Amino acid sequence: MSDTSPLIPTVPKAAAMALRVLPLAPISVSLTAYSRRVAKSHPGLFRRLGAFDHTPFVLDPTDLPIVVCLNPNGGKPRVRVSRGQGDGAARIAGPLAALLGLVHGAFDGDALFFSRDLVIEGDTAAALALRNAVDDAELDLSEEVAQLSGPFAAPLRWAMNFAERRTGVCLTRPEEAGLW
């Protein structure tokens, strides 16, 4: 995946190196709590997985030294961040910006797949079910974070929009932010 499209930003190496030494357990706990918040806000997301609602997925941001193992767990998701390959029925790999862009609807998954910016391994039916569920939910992960932040929501939205403009990484749904 070294031939990543120039339109897809990658995480700077210095930032990625920080994840080599940071403890991953607190990140896993935080992402599990966050994913459960998303599950409450978007219950159809996990129902739409159908037969794959207990299927473990490995999300592999190839520009980071970690993988995210997501177990939908029937709508009560568990997330484990680890170093190495991770264990799941399906593995979806690509630069972090591409993975976030897929979630926010900024990138076409088929185009990323055929350009080899996105790699899918394992149970492709499970990966397709996850893609369709995420597409249908029309998630805005930054807005979910902002809603959790109470009185800090407005400055947090400003900071995320600023970061999105500076990095080119899609942190919000394009129609929401008006940036893409």
Protein backbone atom coordinates (compact mmCIF):
# COMPACT_ATOMS: atom_id res chain seq x y z
CA MET A 1 0.00 0.00 0.00
CA SER A 2 2.93 2.30 -0.49
CA ASP A 3 1.31 3.73 -3.63
CA THR A 4 -1.40 5.56 -1.70
CA SER A 5 -3.25 8.13 -3.75
CA PRO A 6 -1.95 11.67 -3.21
CA LEU A 7 -5.55 12.73 -2.53
CA ILE A 8 -5.60 10.66 0.63
CA PRO A 9 -3.54 12.24 3.40
CA THR A 10 -1.49 10.04 5.70
CA VAL A 11 -0.79 10.46 9.38
CA PRO A 12 2.60 12.15 9.91
CA LYS A 13 5.24 9.65 10.99
CA ALA A 14 5.94 11.56 14.23
CA ALA A 15 2.29 11.28 15.27
CA ALA A 16 2.18 7.61 14.34
CA MET A 17 5.32 6.95 16.38
CA ALA A 18 3.55 8.16 19.51
CA LEU A 19 1.21 5.17 19.23
CA ARG A 20 4.22 2.86 19.47
CA VAL A 21 4.69 3.79 23.13
CA LEU A 22 1.27 4.90 24.37
CA PRO A 23 -0.66 2.36 26.43
CA LEU A 24 -3.50 1.01 24.32
CA ALA A 25 -5.86 -0.16 27.08
CA PRO A 26 -7.21 3.36 27.83
CA ILE A 27 -7.73 3.94 24.10
CA SER A 28 -9.62 0.64 23.85
CA VAL A 29 -11.84 1.52 26.81
CA SER A 30 -12.53 4.99 25.41
CA LEU A 31 -13.35 3.67 21.95
CA THR A 32 -15.64 1.01 23.41
CA ALA A 33 -17.55 3.68 25.37
CA TYR A 34 -17.67 5.89 22.28
CA SER A 35 -18.89 3.06 20.03
CA ARG A 36 -21.63 2.24 22.54
CA ARG A 37 -22.71 5.88 22.42
CA VAL A 38 -22.85 5.63 18.64
CA ALA A 39 -24.84 2.40 18.98
CA LYS A 40 -27.42 4.18 21.14
CA SER A 41 -27.65 7.10 18.69
CA HIS A 42 -27.82 4.83 15.64
CA PRO A 43 -29.37 1.49 16.69
CA GLY A 44 -30.10 0.61 13.06
CA LEU A 45 -26.37 0.50 12.38
CA PHE A 46 -25.98 -2.78 14.21
CA ARG A 47 -29.38 -4.20 13.24
CA ARG A 48 -28.41 -3.69 9.60
CA LEU A 49 -25.42 -6.01 10.08
CA GLY A 50 -27.93 -8.87 10.24
CA ALA A 51 -26.16 -12.21 10.50
CA PHE A 52 -22.86 -10.38 11.00
CA ASP A 53 -23.90 -8.55 14.19
CA HIS A 54 -21.45 -10.67 16.23
CA THR A 55 -18.74 -10.86 13.56
CA PRO A 56 -15.37 -9.41 14.63
CA PHE A 57 -13.79 -6.91 12.23
CA VAL A 58 -10.22 -5.66 12.04
CA LEU A 59 -9.88 -2.06 10.91
CA ASP A 60 -6.28 -1.51 9.95
CA PRO A 61 -5.17 2.09 9.45
CA THR A 62 -2.02 1.30 7.49
CA ASP A 63 -0.32 4.58 8.39
CA LEU A 64 -0.55 3.79 12.12
CA PRO A 65 1.22 1.04 14.11
CA ILE A 66 -2.10 -0.25 15.51
CA VAL A 67 -5.22 -2.08 14.44
CA VAL A 68 -8.73 -1.60 15.77
CA CYS A 69 -10.63 -4.79 16.49
CA LEU A 70 -14.38 -4.12 16.47
CA ASN A 71 -16.84 -6.70 17.73
CA PRO A 72 -20.39 -5.40 17.13
CA ASN A 73 -21.56 -7.78 19.87
CA GLY A 74 -25.21 -7.56 18.87
CA GLY A 75 -25.40 -3.78 19.30
CA LYS A 76 -23.25 -3.54 22.43
CA PRO A 77 -19.91 -3.12 20.67
CA ARG A 78 -16.50 -3.82 22.08
CA VAL A 79 -13.35 -2.23 20.68
CA ARG A 80 -9.81 -3.39 21.29
CA VAL A 81 -6.83 -1.51 19.95
CA SER A 82 -3.70 -3.59 19.53
CA ARG A 83 -0.35 -3.69 17.84
CA GLY A 84 0.06 -6.41 15.26
CA GLN A 85 -2.48 -8.09 13.00
CA GLY A 86 -5.57 -8.35 15.19
CA ASP A 87 -8.11 -11.14 14.95
CA GLY A 88 -11.34 -10.89 13.00
CA ALA A 89 -13.42 -12.49 10.28
CA ALA A 90 -12.78 -9.54 7.97
CA ARG A 91 -9.91 -7.07 7.72
CA ILE A 92 -10.35 -3.65 6.13
CA ALA A 93 -7.07 -1.82 5.63
CA GLY A 94 -6.12 1.57 4.27
CA PRO A 95 -4.82 4.94 5.41
CA LEU A 96 -6.69 6.38 8.40
CA ALA A 97 -7.97 9.25 6.24
CA ALA A 98 -9.48 6.77 3.77
CA LEU A 99 -11.18 4.78 6.54
CA LEU A 100 -12.61 7.97 8.09
CA GLY A 101 -13.60 9.20 4.64
CA LEU A 102 -15.55 5.99 4.08
CA VAL A 103 -17.40 6.41 7.36
CA HIS A 104 -18.30 10.00 6.53
CA GLY A 105 -19.27 9.28 2.92
CA ALA A 106 -16.48 11.43 1.46
CA PHE A 107 -14.87 8.53 -0.44
CA ASP A 108 -16.34 5.84 -2.64
CA GLY A 109 -15.40 2.45 -1.23
CA ASP A 110 -15.43 0.79 -4.65
CA ALA A 111 -13.06 3.40 -6.07
CA LEU A 112 -10.71 3.00 -3.09
CA PHE A 113 -10.81 -0.77 -3.45
CA PHE A 114 -10.07 -0.78 -7.18
CA SER A 115 -7.28 1.80 -6.78
CA ARG A 116 -5.82 -0.46 -4.06
CA ASP A 117 -6.00 2.30 -1.47
CA LEU A 118 -8.32 -0.03 0.46
CA VAL A 119 -7.70 -3.74 1.01
CA ILE A 120 -10.38 -6.16 2.16
CA GLU A 121 -9.40 -9.62 3.36
CA GLY A 122 -11.33 -12.47 4.89
CA ASP A 123 -15.12 -12.61 4.89
CA THR A 124 -16.01 -10.13 2.15
CA ALA A 125 -19.75 -10.59 2.80
CA ALA A 126 -19.18 -9.40 6.38
CA ALA A 127 -17.11 -6.45 5.16
CA LEU A 128 -19.84 -5.51 2.68
CA ALA A 129 -22.49 -5.75 5.41
CA LEU A 130 -20.41 -3.40 7.59
CA ARG A 131 -19.94 -0.97 4.71
CA ASN A 132 -23.68 -0.95 3.94
CA ALA A 133 -24.58 -0.49 7.60
CA VAL A 134 -22.16 2.43 7.98
CA ASP A 135 -23.35 4.01 4.72
CA ASP A 136 -26.98 3.72 5.79
CA ALA A 137 -26.31 5.24 9.24
CA GLU A 138 -24.79 8.43 7.74
CA LEU A 139 -22.48 8.78 10.72
CA ASP A 140 -20.70 11.97 11.69
CA LEU A 141 -18.13 10.86 14.22
CA SER A 142 -17.07 14.42 15.09
CA GLU A 143 -20.65 15.41 15.83
CA GLU A 144 -20.99 12.36 18.08
CA VAL A 145 -17.88 13.52 19.99
CA ALA A 146 -19.21 17.10 20.18
CA GLN A 147 -22.51 15.90 21.62
CA LEU A 148 -20.60 14.14 24.39
CA SER A 149 -18.65 17.26 25.29
CA GLY A 150 -21.45 19.36 26.82
CA PRO A 151 -20.46 23.03 27.10
CA PHE A 152 -17.30 22.39 25.08
CA ALA A 153 -19.25 21.31 21.98
CA ALA A 154 -18.95 24.61 20.07
CA PRO A 155 -15.18 25.03 20.55
CA LEU A 156 -14.68 21.35 19.84
CA ARG A 157 -16.63 21.62 16.56
CA TRP A 158 -14.50 24.62 15.61
CA ALA A 159 -11.29 22.70 16.43
CA MET A 160 -12.38 19.65 14.42
CA ASN A 161 -13.33 21.81 11.41
CA PHE A 162 -9.97 23.59 11.69
CA ALA A 163 -8.12 20.26 11.89
CA GLU A 164 -10.07 18.98 8.92
CA ARG A 165 -9.15 22.00 6.81
CA ARG A 166 -5.47 21.84 7.83
CA THR A 167 -4.98 18.09 7.40
CA GLY A 168 -7.36 17.20 4.58
CA VAL A 169 -8.71 14.34 6.70
CA CYS A 170 -12.49 14.10 6.58
CA LEU A 171 -13.54 14.38 10.23
CA THR A 172 -17.20 15.25 9.55
CA ARG A 173 -19.82 14.36 6.95
CA PRO A 174 -19.14 16.52 3.88
CA GLU A 175 -22.66 17.94 3.65
CA GLU A 176 -22.45 18.96 7.33
CA ALA A 177 -19.12 20.72 7.17
CA GLY A 178 -19.39 22.12 3.67
CA LEU A 179 -15.68 21.47 3.16
CA TRP A 180 -15.63 18.68 0.57
